[in-house]
Amino acid sequence: MEPAVPDRPDGDAFYSADEVGSFEQGNEFSRWALARYIVGRVILERVSWALLVLALVLVALAAVSQWVLHSTLLAVLLVVLAIGVYAMRGLLRLVLRRLMNAKAYGPMEHRVSEIVNGASAGVFRELRRVGLPGRVITLPLLIVRLVGRRRADTMARIRRFEVDRAVPKASRDELYLVLRQSVGRVPPST
């Protein structure tokens, strides 16, 4: 009995997997856009967490100033400052949800978040390589540098940021497939 599919095609038309080459999802622009999406989302989400930590530290300092220093004025000022920082965080989260359009991904948002979280170490490493704040707690300094006197220097350093070093190719490809699946262009994998 002959097999339904022969092991090798007849003639010289046989190609090995090594001769085929690699396959990248999407086109050059979509890969560029997805890599920058991941970098932007990592930075914005981590700045949001840093602002939350800063607000909690300010509340703790207000409590210490009230109970230890017995300074109600300092406690009130620190609480007002903490509320301002927390409001900034809320505004940043609102902008983040609008820009990143999390609702469009529906049930895939959890996977998108995992991909973004997986790329965060590379993004921070690349930020430190170009001389920018690259730790979660120091990321708010990046915003201060962008609006302060050091804006030109910061922008020059950002231009040296190499997205391909920060975001692995596998993350970009997987995000591409997840996004296509979320809009119904690719059947879900089982």
Protein backbone atom coordinates (compact mmCIF):
# COMPACT_ATOMS: atom_id res chain seq x y z
CA MET A 1 0.00 0.00 0.00
CA GLU A 2 1.34 3.43 -0.93
CA PRO A 3 1.18 6.28 1.60
CA ALA A 4 -1.35 9.05 0.93
CA VAL A 5 1.37 11.69 1.19
CA PRO A 6 4.84 10.65 0.04
CA ASP A 7 7.83 11.34 2.30
CA ARG A 8 9.59 13.28 -0.44
CA PRO A 9 8.23 14.88 -3.55
CA ASP A 10 9.43 13.52 -6.86
CA GLY A 11 12.25 15.33 -8.58
CA ASP A 12 14.47 18.15 -7.34
CA ALA A 13 11.62 20.20 -5.79
CA PHE A 14 12.47 19.19 -2.22
CA TYR A 15 13.27 22.06 0.18
CA SER A 16 14.31 21.71 3.78
CA ALA A 17 13.04 23.95 6.58
CA ASP A 18 16.45 25.64 6.70
CA GLU A 19 16.01 26.91 3.16
CA VAL A 20 12.62 28.50 3.75
CA GLY A 21 13.74 31.27 6.12
CA SER A 22 12.01 33.01 8.97
CA PHE A 23 8.48 34.35 8.95
CA GLU A 24 7.53 37.58 10.68
CA GLN A 25 3.97 38.57 11.47
CA GLY A 26 2.56 41.65 9.76
CA ASN A 27 4.47 44.17 7.72
CA GLU A 28 7.37 46.42 8.69
CA PHE A 29 5.11 49.27 9.85
CA SER A 30 2.92 47.02 12.02
CA ARG A 31 5.99 45.50 13.69
CA TRP A 32 7.35 49.02 14.32
CA ALA A 33 4.01 50.17 15.75
CA LEU A 34 3.53 47.11 17.96
CA ALA A 35 7.01 47.39 19.43
CA ARG A 36 6.42 51.04 20.30
CA TYR A 37 3.00 50.17 21.69
CA ILE A 38 4.62 47.67 24.05
CA VAL A 39 7.32 50.15 25.13
CA GLY A 40 4.79 52.94 25.69
CA ARG A 41 2.44 50.74 27.62
CA VAL A 42 5.23 49.37 29.84
CA ILE A 43 6.42 52.88 30.68
CA LEU A 44 2.96 54.32 31.31
CA GLU A 45 1.81 51.40 33.46
CA ARG A 46 4.97 51.48 35.55
CA VAL A 47 4.74 55.26 36.00
CA SER A 48 1.20 54.72 37.22
CA TRP A 49 2.39 52.21 39.84
CA ALA A 50 5.22 54.54 40.89
CA LEU A 51 2.73 57.37 41.40
CA LEU A 52 0.57 55.09 43.56
CA VAL A 53 3.59 54.20 45.72
CA LEU A 54 4.50 57.90 45.98
CA ALA A 55 0.96 58.78 47.08
CA LEU A 56 1.02 56.04 49.75
CA VAL A 57 4.41 57.24 51.01
CA LEU A 58 3.06 60.78 51.28
CA VAL A 59 0.07 59.54 53.30
CA ALA A 60 2.43 57.62 55.59
CA LEU A 61 4.58 60.72 56.04
CA ALA A 62 1.45 62.71 56.87
CA ALA A 63 0.54 60.19 59.55
CA VAL A 64 4.07 60.32 60.98
CA SER A 65 4.08 64.11 60.98
CA GLN A 66 0.76 64.19 62.83
CA TRP A 67 1.51 61.54 65.44
CA VAL A 68 5.24 62.02 65.97
CA LEU A 69 5.84 65.67 65.14
CA HIS A 70 2.35 66.85 66.19
CA SER A 71 2.24 69.08 63.12
CA THR A 72 -1.27 69.19 61.75
CA LEU A 73 -0.36 71.76 59.08
CA LEU A 74 2.41 69.55 57.66
CA ALA A 75 0.10 66.51 57.79
CA VAL A 76 -2.64 68.37 55.90
CA LEU A 77 -0.16 69.61 53.27
CA LEU A 78 1.20 66.10 52.76
CA VAL A 79 -2.32 64.65 52.43
CA VAL A 80 -3.25 67.34 49.88
CA LEU A 81 -0.05 66.55 47.96
CA ALA A 82 -0.87 62.82 48.13
CA ILE A 83 -4.36 63.48 46.77
CA GLY A 84 -2.82 65.49 43.92
CA VAL A 85 -0.40 62.66 43.08
CA TYR A 86 -3.23 60.12 43.24
CA ALA A 87 -5.36 62.33 40.97
CA MET A 88 -2.44 62.51 38.52
CA ARG A 89 -2.31 58.72 38.61
CA GLY A 90 -6.04 58.53 37.90
CA LEU A 91 -5.67 60.90 34.97
CA LEU A 92 -2.74 58.88 33.65
CA ARG A 93 -4.75 55.64 33.95
CA LEU A 94 -7.64 57.26 32.08
CA VAL A 95 -5.35 58.40 29.29
CA LEU A 96 -3.70 54.98 29.24
CA ARG A 97 -7.05 53.20 28.84
CA ARG A 98 -8.09 55.61 26.08
CA LEU A 99 -4.82 55.46 24.16
CA MET A 100 -4.31 51.74 24.52
CA ASN A 101 -7.98 50.96 23.82
CA ALA A 102 -8.08 48.04 26.26
CA LYS A 103 -11.81 47.44 25.73
CA ALA A 104 -11.21 46.53 22.09
CA TYR A 105 -9.24 43.45 23.08
CA GLY A 106 -12.06 42.05 25.15
CA PRO A 107 -11.14 38.69 26.64
CA MET A 108 -7.65 38.97 25.11
CA GLU A 109 -6.69 41.94 27.33
CA HIS A 110 -5.30 39.57 29.95
CA ARG A 111 -2.91 38.04 27.40
CA VAL A 112 -1.92 41.48 26.09
CA SER A 113 -1.07 42.50 29.67
CA GLU A 114 1.06 39.37 30.10
CA ILE A 115 2.97 40.15 26.91
CA VAL A 116 3.55 43.73 28.04
CA ASN A 117 4.67 42.60 31.51
CA GLY A 118 7.06 40.11 29.94
CA ALA A 119 8.73 42.87 27.96
CA SER A 120 9.16 45.25 30.91
CA ALA A 121 12.63 44.01 31.94
CA GLY A 122 13.99 44.64 28.44
CA VAL A 123 12.42 48.09 28.29
CA PHE A 124 13.93 49.09 31.64
CA ARG A 125 17.32 47.68 30.64
CA GLU A 126 17.27 49.72 27.42
CA LEU A 127 16.21 52.88 29.27
CA ARG A 128 19.19 52.49 31.59
CA ARG A 129 21.48 51.82 28.61
CA VAL A 130 20.61 55.18 27.03
CA GLY A 131 21.00 56.98 30.38
CA LEU A 132 17.36 57.52 31.34
CA PRO A 133 15.58 56.54 34.58
CA GLY A 134 15.08 52.80 34.24
CA ARG A 135 13.60 51.66 37.54
CA VAL A 136 9.93 51.60 38.48
CA ILE A 137 10.40 54.09 41.32
CA THR A 138 12.43 56.51 39.16
CA LEU A 139 10.14 56.54 36.12
CA PRO A 140 8.25 59.68 37.23
CA LEU A 141 11.59 61.47 36.83
CA LEU A 142 11.36 60.67 33.12
CA ILE A 143 8.18 62.75 32.91
CA VAL A 144 9.84 65.57 34.86
CA ARG A 145 12.79 65.46 32.47
CA LEU A 146 10.45 65.63 29.45
CA VAL A 147 8.78 68.84 30.66
CA GLY A 148 11.80 70.44 32.35
CA ARG A 149 14.96 72.16 31.19
CA ARG A 150 16.56 68.82 30.24
CA ARG A 151 13.97 68.11 27.55
CA ALA A 152 16.40 68.36 24.61
CA ASP A 153 18.90 65.99 26.25
CA THR A 154 16.11 63.57 27.22
CA MET A 155 14.71 63.54 23.67
CA ALA A 156 18.20 62.87 22.26
CA ARG A 157 18.54 59.92 24.63
CA ILE A 158 15.07 58.62 23.72
CA ARG A 159 16.09 58.66 20.04
CA ARG A 160 18.95 56.28 20.93
CA PHE A 161 16.44 53.83 22.47
CA GLU A 162 16.55 50.67 20.35
CA VAL A 163 13.15 49.00 20.44
CA ASP A 164 14.46 45.77 18.92
CA ARG A 165 16.81 45.35 21.90
CA ALA A 166 14.01 46.04 24.38
CA VAL A 167 11.12 44.06 22.92
CA PRO A 168 11.77 40.47 21.78
CA LYS A 169 10.61 39.51 18.31
CA ALA A 170 8.49 36.73 19.80
CA SER A 171 6.55 39.28 21.90
CA ARG A 172 5.80 41.42 18.85
CA ASP A 173 4.68 38.38 16.85
CA GLU A 174 2.48 37.08 19.65
CA LEU A 175 0.93 40.51 20.23
CA TYR A 176 0.22 40.76 16.51
CA LEU A 177 -1.60 37.42 16.57
CA VAL A 178 -3.51 38.29 19.76
CA LEU A 179 -4.66 41.60 18.33
CA ARG A 180 -5.74 40.00 15.07
CA GLN A 181 -7.59 37.32 17.01
CA SER A 182 -9.33 39.95 19.17
CA VAL A 183 -10.77 41.67 16.11
CA GLY A 184 -11.86 38.36 14.58
CA ARG A 185 -9.40 38.05 11.70
CA VAL A 186 -7.74 34.88 12.98
CA PRO A 187 -9.62 31.94 14.43
CA PRO A 188 -8.71 31.37 18.10
CA SER A 189 -6.15 28.67 18.69
CA THR A 190 -7.20 25.70 20.79
